[in-house]
Amino acid sequence: HVQVIDVPELTVLSIGCRGEMNDQAVAAAEQKLNQWLQENADRYTQSGPLRKLGYNSPFMPSFLKYFEVLLPVTPVDAEP
């Protein structure tokens, strides 16, 4: 059973990664996103929890797998 839910649009920082989506790989990607966000703190602020998107079946060899780590952000000038 698949349920489709419409959600409001959002802006994210995104980093694409190759390999197995494990805790270590996600933490490394999150660190890169947080570093970029710190360097651009005058422009963006985090606006939600980290998200992980996996795209491959479990039968895909690890070295061919692709996933993304997303960090929702809001432009500083868009905050109330």
PDB file of N, CA and C in Angstrom:
ATOM      1  N   HIS A   1       0.842  -1.178   0.000  1.00  0.00           N
ATOM      2  CA  HIS A   1       0.000   0.000   0.000  1.00  0.00           C
ATOM      3  C   HIS A   1       0.885   1.238   0.000  1.00  0.00           C
ATOM      4  N   VAL A   2       0.615   2.169  -0.881  1.00  0.00           N
ATOM      5  CA  VAL A   2       1.367   3.409  -0.980  1.00  0.00           C
ATOM      6  C   VAL A   2       0.420   4.562  -0.721  1.00  0.00           C
ATOM      7  N   GLN A   3       0.842   5.474   0.121  1.00  0.00           N
ATOM      8  CA  GLN A   3       0.049   6.662   0.400  1.00  0.00           C
ATOM      9  C   GLN A   3       0.839   7.872  -0.076  1.00  0.00           C
ATOM     10  N   VAL A   4       0.223   8.691  -0.907  1.00  0.00           N
ATOM     11  CA  VAL A   4       0.854   9.900  -1.417  1.00  0.00           C
ATOM     12  C   VAL A   4       0.331  11.079  -0.607  1.00  0.00           C
ATOM     13  N   ILE A   5       1.250  11.878  -0.092  1.00  0.00           N
ATOM     14  CA  ILE A   5       0.888  13.020   0.739  1.00  0.00           C
ATOM     15  C   ILE A   5       1.533  14.270   0.155  1.00  0.00           C
ATOM     16  N   ASP A   6       0.746  15.298  -0.083  1.00  0.00           N
ATOM     17  CA  ASP A   6       1.294  16.577  -0.522  1.00  0.00           C
ATOM     18  C   ASP A   6       1.848  17.311   0.686  1.00  0.00           C
ATOM     19  N   VAL A   7       3.052  17.829   0.548  1.00  0.00           N
ATOM     20  CA  VAL A   7       3.671  18.616   1.615  1.00  0.00           C
ATOM     21  C   VAL A   7       4.075  19.964   1.038  1.00  0.00           C
ATOM     22  N   PRO A   8       4.150  20.979   1.887  1.00  0.00           N
ATOM     23  CA  PRO A   8       4.539  22.300   1.392  1.00  0.00           C
ATOM     24  C   PRO A   8       5.971  22.273   0.843  1.00  0.00           C
ATOM     25  N   GLU A   9       6.230  23.146  -0.127  1.00  0.00           N
ATOM     26  CA  GLU A   9       7.583  23.220  -0.677  1.00  0.00           C
ATOM     27  C   GLU A   9       8.552  23.712   0.388  1.00  0.00           C
ATOM     28  N   LEU A  10       9.814  23.363   0.220  1.00  0.00           N
ATOM     29  CA  LEU A  10      10.827  23.838   1.139  1.00  0.00           C
ATOM     30  C   LEU A  10      12.151  23.945   0.400  1.00  0.00           C
ATOM     31  N   THR A  11      13.064  24.724   0.984  1.00  0.00           N
ATOM     32  CA  THR A  11      14.407  24.885   0.447  1.00  0.00           C
ATOM     33  C   THR A  11      15.333  24.033   1.295  1.00  0.00           C
ATOM     34  N   VAL A  12      16.233  23.309   0.633  1.00  0.00           N
ATOM     35  CA  VAL A  12      17.161  22.439   1.364  1.00  0.00           C
ATOM     36  C   VAL A  12      18.578  22.617   0.849  1.00  0.00           C
ATOM     37  N   LEU A  13      19.540  22.334   1.727  1.00  0.00           N
ATOM     38  CA  LEU A  13      20.907  22.076   1.303  1.00  0.00           C
ATOM     39  C   LEU A  13      20.949  20.589   1.032  1.00  0.00           C
ATOM     40  N   SER A  14      21.597  20.192  -0.033  1.00  0.00           N
ATOM     41  CA  SER A  14      21.618  18.780  -0.400  1.00  0.00           C
ATOM     42  C   SER A  14      23.024  18.359  -0.788  1.00  0.00           C
ATOM     43  N   ILE A  15      23.375  17.142  -0.391  1.00  0.00           N
ATOM     44  CA  ILE A  15      24.641  16.570  -0.814  1.00  0.00           C
ATOM     45  C   ILE A  15      24.375  15.138  -1.264  1.00  0.00           C
ATOM     46  N   GLY A  16      24.866  14.797  -2.443  1.00  0.00           N
ATOM     47  CA  GLY A  16      24.717  13.447  -2.975  1.00  0.00           C
ATOM     48  C   GLY A  16      25.917  12.602  -2.594  1.00  0.00           C
ATOM     49  N   CYS A  17      25.663  11.337  -2.295  1.00  0.00           N
ATOM     50  CA  CYS A  17      26.719  10.442  -1.826  1.00  0.00           C
ATOM     51  C   CYS A  17      26.629   9.103  -2.543  1.00  0.00           C
ATOM     52  N   ARG A  18      27.770   8.465  -2.743  1.00  0.00           N
ATOM     53  CA  ARG A  18      27.832   7.122  -3.304  1.00  0.00           C
ATOM     54  C   ARG A  18      28.215   6.148  -2.208  1.00  0.00           C
ATOM     55  N   GLY A  19      27.669   4.940  -2.299  1.00  0.00           N
ATOM     56  CA  GLY A  19      28.006   3.898  -1.338  1.00  0.00           C
ATOM     57  C   GLY A  19      26.825   3.557  -0.453  1.00  0.00           C
ATOM     58  N   GLU A  20      27.116   2.850   0.609  1.00  0.00           N
ATOM     59  CA  GLU A  20      26.095   2.401   1.554  1.00  0.00           C
ATOM     60  C   GLU A  20      25.643   3.574   2.423  1.00  0.00           C
ATOM     61  N   MET A  21      24.332   3.737   2.610  1.00  0.00           N
ATOM     62  CA  MET A  21      23.801   4.801   3.464  1.00  0.00           C
ATOM     63  C   MET A  21      23.794   4.287   4.904  1.00  0.00           C
ATOM     64  N   ASN A  22      24.924   4.439   5.581  1.00  0.00           N
ATOM     65  CA  ASN A  22      25.022   4.015   6.970  1.00  0.00           C
ATOM     66  C   ASN A  22      25.224   5.243   7.859  1.00  0.00           C
ATOM     67  N   ASP A  23      25.237   5.034   9.161  1.00  0.00           N
ATOM     68  CA  ASP A  23      25.347   6.156  10.104  1.00  0.00           C
ATOM     69  C   ASP A  23      26.607   6.989   9.863  1.00  0.00           C
ATOM     70  N   GLN A  24      27.712   6.325   9.574  1.00  0.00           N
ATOM     71  CA  GLN A  24      28.977   7.035   9.370  1.00  0.00           C
ATOM     72  C   GLN A  24      28.917   7.915   8.117  1.00  0.00           C
ATOM     73  N   ALA A  25      28.385   7.395   7.027  1.00  0.00           N
ATOM     74  CA  ALA A  25      28.289   8.168   5.782  1.00  0.00           C
ATOM     75  C   ALA A  25      27.337   9.347   5.935  1.00  0.00           C
ATOM     76  N   VAL A  26      26.223   9.131   6.614  1.00  0.00           N
ATOM     77  CA  VAL A  26      25.253  10.216   6.829  1.00  0.00           C
ATOM     78  C   VAL A  26      25.861  11.290   7.725  1.00  0.00           C
ATOM     79  N   ALA A  27      26.591  10.880   8.775  1.00  0.00           N
ATOM     80  CA  ALA A  27      27.228  11.848   9.678  1.00  0.00           C
ATOM     81  C   ALA A  27      28.264  12.685   8.934  1.00  0.00           C
ATOM     82  N   ALA A  28      29.029  12.071   8.037  1.00  0.00           N
ATOM     83  CA  ALA A  28      30.026  12.818   7.253  1.00  0.00           C
ATOM     84  C   ALA A  28      29.346  13.834   6.341  1.00  0.00           C
ATOM     85  N   ALA A  29      28.267  13.443   5.697  1.00  0.00           N
ATOM     86  CA  ALA A  29      27.526  14.365   4.834  1.00  0.00           C
ATOM     87  C   ALA A  29      26.908  15.491   5.662  1.00  0.00           C
ATOM     88  N   GLU A  30      26.352  15.152   6.815  1.00  0.00           N
ATOM     89  CA  GLU A  30      25.756  16.169   7.691  1.00  0.00           C
ATOM     90  C   GLU A  30      26.808  17.183   8.135  1.00  0.00           C
ATOM     91  N   GLN A  31      28.006  16.706   8.423  1.00  0.00           N
ATOM     92  CA  GLN A  31      29.080  17.608   8.840  1.00  0.00           C
ATOM     93  C   GLN A  31      29.409  18.610   7.728  1.00  0.00           C
ATOM     94  N   LYS A  32      29.454  18.145   6.475  1.00  0.00           N
ATOM     95  CA  LYS A  32      29.712  19.044   5.352  1.00  0.00           C
ATOM     96  C   LYS A  32      28.595  20.066   5.184  1.00  0.00           C
ATOM     97  N   LEU A  33      27.344  19.624   5.340  1.00  0.00           N
ATOM     98  CA  LEU A  33      26.214  20.551   5.226  1.00  0.00           C
ATOM     99  C   LEU A  33      26.258  21.594   6.342  1.00  0.00           C
ATOM    100  N   ASN A  34      26.542  21.151   7.562  1.00  0.00           N
ATOM    101  CA  ASN A  34      26.616  22.083   8.692  1.00  0.00           C
ATOM    102  C   ASN A  34      27.762  23.073   8.536  1.00  0.00           C
ATOM    103  N   GLN A  35      28.878  22.617   7.974  1.00  0.00           N
ATOM    104  CA  GLN A  35      30.002  23.526   7.734  1.00  0.00           C
ATOM    105  C   GLN A  35      29.600  24.608   6.741  1.00  0.00           C
ATOM    106  N   TRP A  36      28.933  24.216   5.646  1.00  0.00           N
ATOM    107  CA  TRP A  36      28.480  25.198   4.661  1.00  0.00           C
ATOM    108  C   TRP A  36      27.502  26.172   5.310  1.00  0.00           C
ATOM    109  N   LEU A  37      26.601  25.637   6.130  1.00  0.00           N
ATOM    110  CA  LEU A  37      25.608  26.486   6.782  1.00  0.00           C
ATOM    111  C   LEU A  37      26.280  27.484   7.731  1.00  0.00           C
ATOM    112  N   GLN A  38      27.297  27.057   8.454  1.00  0.00           N
ATOM    113  CA  GLN A  38      28.032  27.977   9.337  1.00  0.00           C
ATOM    114  C   GLN A  38      28.723  29.072   8.531  1.00  0.00           C
ATOM    115  N   GLU A  39      29.296  28.702   7.388  1.00  0.00           N
ATOM    116  CA  GLU A  39      29.986  29.679   6.538  1.00  0.00           C
ATOM    117  C   GLU A  39      29.017  30.652   5.877  1.00  0.00           C
ATOM    118  N   ASN A  40      27.750  30.296   5.833  1.00  0.00           N
ATOM    119  CA  ASN A  40      26.727  31.131   5.192  1.00  0.00           C
ATOM    120  C   ASN A  40      25.608  31.493   6.167  1.00  0.00           C
ATOM    121  N   ALA A  41      25.946  31.593   7.442  1.00  0.00           N
ATOM    122  CA  ALA A  41      24.952  31.866   8.488  1.00  0.00           C
ATOM    123  C   ALA A  41      24.278  33.225   8.309  1.00  0.00           C
ATOM    124  N   ASP A  42      24.934  34.129   7.589  1.00  0.00           N
ATOM    125  CA  ASP A  42      24.311  35.429   7.331  1.00  0.00           C
ATOM    126  C   ASP A  42      23.235  35.341   6.258  1.00  0.00           C
ATOM    127  N   ARG A  43      23.173  34.186   5.559  1.00  0.00           N
ATOM    128  CA  ARG A  43      22.220  34.009   4.459  1.00  0.00           C
ATOM    129  C   ARG A  43      21.135  32.977   4.751  1.00  0.00           C
ATOM    130  N   TYR A  44      21.467  31.920   5.497  1.00  0.00           N
ATOM    131  CA  TYR A  44      20.522  30.817   5.741  1.00  0.00           C
ATOM    132  C   TYR A  44      20.581  30.344   7.180  1.00  0.00           C
ATOM    133  N   THR A  45      19.444  29.811   7.623  1.00  0.00           N
ATOM    134  CA  THR A  45      19.365  29.182   8.937  1.00  0.00           C
ATOM    135  C   THR A  45      18.637  27.849   8.793  1.00  0.00           C
ATOM    136  N   GLN A  46      18.992  26.889   9.630  1.00  0.00           N
ATOM    137  CA  GLN A  46      18.339  25.576   9.565  1.00  0.00           C
ATOM    138  C   GLN A  46      16.885  25.713   9.985  1.00  0.00           C
ATOM    139  N   SER A  47      15.995  25.019   9.256  1.00  0.00           N
ATOM    140  CA  SER A  47      14.568  25.167   9.546  1.00  0.00           C
ATOM    141  C   SER A  47      13.849  23.832   9.750  1.00  0.00           C
ATOM    142  N   GLY A  48      14.593  22.752   9.893  1.00  0.00           N
ATOM    143  CA  GLY A  48      13.961  21.457  10.106  1.00  0.00           C
ATOM    144  C   GLY A  48      15.001  20.373  10.313  1.00  0.00           C
ATOM    145  N   PRO A  49      14.525  19.160  10.586  1.00  0.00           N
ATOM    146  CA  PRO A  49      15.445  18.052  10.847  1.00  0.00           C
ATOM    147  C   PRO A  49      16.088  17.517   9.564  1.00  0.00           C
ATOM    148  N   LEU A  50      17.220  16.892   9.724  1.00  0.00           N
ATOM    149  CA  LEU A  50      17.945  16.259   8.631  1.00  0.00           C
ATOM    150  C   LEU A  50      17.070  15.202   7.969  1.00  0.00           C
ATOM    151  N   ARG A  51      17.189  15.075   6.655  1.00  0.00           N
ATOM    152  CA  ARG A  51      16.444  14.062   5.906  1.00  0.00           C
ATOM    153  C   ARG A  51      17.425  13.239   5.092  1.00  0.00           C
ATOM    154  N   LYS A  52      17.101  11.951   4.909  1.00  0.00           N
ATOM    155  CA  LYS A  52      17.921  11.046   4.116  1.00  0.00           C
ATOM    156  C   LYS A  52      17.049  10.440   3.030  1.00  0.00           C
ATOM    157  N   LEU A  53      17.558  10.431   1.799  1.00  0.00           N
ATOM    158  CA  LEU A  53      16.818   9.868   0.676  1.00  0.00           C
ATOM    159  C   LEU A  53      17.664   8.782   0.022  1.00  0.00           C
ATOM    160  N   GLY A  54      17.173   7.555   0.036  1.00  0.00           N
ATOM    161  CA  GLY A  54      17.857   6.454  -0.624  1.00  0.00           C
ATOM    162  C   GLY A  54      17.121   6.097  -1.898  1.00  0.00           C
ATOM    163  N   TYR A  55      17.854   5.743  -2.949  1.00  0.00           N
ATOM    164  CA  TYR A  55      17.242   5.542  -4.251  1.00  0.00           C
ATOM    165  C   TYR A  55      17.356   4.138  -4.819  1.00  0.00           C
ATOM    166  N   ASN A  56      18.115   3.265  -4.202  1.00  0.00           N
ATOM    167  CA  ASN A  56      18.414   1.986  -4.829  1.00  0.00           C
ATOM    168  C   ASN A  56      17.817   0.807  -4.086  1.00  0.00           C
ATOM    169  N   SER A  57      17.647  -0.293  -4.820  1.00  0.00           N
ATOM    170  CA  SER A  57      17.158  -1.522  -4.200  1.00  0.00           C
ATOM    171  C   SER A  57      18.270  -2.144  -3.366  1.00  0.00           C
ATOM    172  N   PRO A  58      17.921  -3.029  -2.456  1.00  0.00           N
ATOM    173  CA  PRO A  58      18.955  -3.686  -1.653  1.00  0.00           C
ATOM    174  C   PRO A  58      19.853  -4.604  -2.488  1.00  0.00           C
ATOM    175  N   PHE A  59      19.452  -4.902  -3.709  1.00  0.00           N
ATOM    176  CA  PHE A  59      20.233  -5.798  -4.560  1.00  0.00           C
ATOM    177  C   PHE A  59      21.314  -5.066  -5.355  1.00  0.00           C
ATOM    178  N   MET A  60      21.308  -3.738  -5.319  1.00  0.00           N
ATOM    179  CA  MET A  60      22.318  -2.941  -6.013  1.00  0.00           C
ATOM    180  C   MET A  60      23.641  -3.077  -5.265  1.00  0.00           C
ATOM    181  N   PRO A  61      24.746  -3.300  -5.969  1.00  0.00           N
ATOM    182  CA  PRO A  61      26.050  -3.356  -5.287  1.00  0.00           C
ATOM    183  C   PRO A  61      26.323  -2.034  -4.561  1.00  0.00           C
ATOM    184  N   SER A  62      26.923  -2.118  -3.394  1.00  0.00           N
ATOM    185  CA  SER A  62      27.150  -0.931  -2.560  1.00  0.00           C
ATOM    186  C   SER A  62      27.865   0.190  -3.288  1.00  0.00           C
ATOM    187  N   PHE A  63      28.874  -0.155  -4.109  1.00  0.00           N
ATOM    188  CA  PHE A  63      29.654   0.891  -4.771  1.00  0.00           C
ATOM    189  C   PHE A  63      28.858   1.642  -5.837  1.00  0.00           C
ATOM    190  N   LEU A  64      27.703   1.124  -6.219  1.00  0.00           N
ATOM    191  CA  LEU A  64      26.850   1.795  -7.198  1.00  0.00           C
ATOM    192  C   LEU A  64      25.678   2.546  -6.561  1.00  0.00           C
ATOM    193  N   LYS A  65      25.465   2.348  -5.274  1.00  0.00           N
ATOM    194  CA  LYS A  65      24.326   2.993  -4.612  1.00  0.00           C
ATOM    195  C   LYS A  65      24.526   4.501  -4.524  1.00  0.00           C
ATOM    196  N   TYR A  66      23.397   5.217  -4.540  1.00  0.00           N
ATOM    197  CA  TYR A  66      23.395   6.676  -4.463  1.00  0.00           C
ATOM    198  C   TYR A  66      22.332   7.098  -3.455  1.00  0.00           C
ATOM    199  N   PHE A  67      22.679   8.070  -2.606  1.00  0.00           N
ATOM    200  CA  PHE A  67      21.703   8.624  -1.668  1.00  0.00           C
ATOM    201  C   PHE A  67      21.995  10.100  -1.469  1.00  0.00           C
ATOM    202  N   GLU A  68      21.020  10.802  -0.928  1.00  0.00           N
ATOM    203  CA  GLU A  68      21.176  12.224  -0.639  1.00  0.00           C
ATOM    204  C   GLU A  68      20.895  12.476   0.836  1.00  0.00           C
ATOM    205  N   VAL A  69      21.567  13.474   1.368  1.00  0.00           N
ATOM    206  CA  VAL A  69      21.304  13.959   2.720  1.00  0.00           C
ATOM    207  C   VAL A  69      20.879  15.414   2.564  1.00  0.00           C
ATOM    208  N   LEU A  70      19.735  15.755   3.142  1.00  0.00           N
ATOM    209  CA  LEU A  70      19.140  17.082   2.985  1.00  0.00           C
ATOM    210  C   LEU A  70      19.005  17.777   4.334  1.00  0.00           C
ATOM    211  N   LEU A  71      19.245  19.070   4.333  1.00  0.00           N
ATOM    212  CA  LEU A  71      19.065  19.881   5.527  1.00  0.00           C
ATOM    213  C   LEU A  71      18.144  21.043   5.160  1.00  0.00           C
ATOM    214  N   PRO A  72      16.904  21.054   5.665  1.00  0.00           N
ATOM    215  CA  PRO A  72      15.994  22.169   5.354  1.00  0.00           C
ATOM    216  C   PRO A  72      16.543  23.496   5.890  1.00  0.00           C
ATOM    217  N   VAL A  73      16.450  24.530   5.064  1.00  0.00           N
ATOM    218  CA  VAL A  73      16.933  25.857   5.444  1.00  0.00           C
ATOM    219  C   VAL A  73      15.910  26.915   5.049  1.00  0.00           C
ATOM    220  N   THR A  74      16.051  28.069   5.674  1.00  0.00           N
ATOM    221  CA  THR A  74      15.241  29.244   5.350  1.00  0.00           C
ATOM    222  C   THR A  74      16.179  30.410   5.138  1.00  0.00           C
ATOM    223  N   PRO A  75      15.981  31.187   4.085  1.00  0.00           N
ATOM    224  CA  PRO A  75      16.803  32.397   3.934  1.00  0.00           C
ATOM    225  C   PRO A  75      16.594  33.327   5.129  1.00  0.00           C
ATOM    226  N   VAL A  76      17.682  33.913   5.604  1.00  0.00           N
ATOM    227  CA  VAL A  76      17.613  34.778   6.780  1.00  0.00           C
ATOM    228  C   VAL A  76      16.640  35.927   6.548  1.00  0.00           C
ATOM    229  N   ASP A  77      16.623  36.500   5.360  1.00  0.00           N
ATOM    230  CA  ASP A  77      15.732  37.630   5.093  1.00  0.00           C
ATOM    231  C   ASP A  77      14.272  37.217   4.981  1.00  0.00           C
ATOM    232  N   ALA A  78      13.983  35.898   4.973  1.00  0.00           N
ATOM    233  CA  ALA A  78      12.600  35.421   4.874  1.00  0.00           C
ATOM    234  C   ALA A  78      11.995  35.136   6.246  1.00  0.00           C
ATOM    235  N   GLU A  79      12.802  35.188   7.293  1.00  0.00           N
ATOM    236  CA  GLU A  79      12.283  34.914   8.632  1.00  0.00           C
ATOM    237  C   GLU A  79      11.429  36.074   9.098  1.00  0.00           C
ATOM    238  N   PRO A  80      10.401  35.767   9.924  1.00  0.00           N
ATOM    239  CA  PRO A  80       9.508  36.838  10.420  1.00  0.00           C
ATOM    240  C   PRO A  80      10.184  37.792  11.365  1.00  0.00           C
TER     241      PRO A  80
END
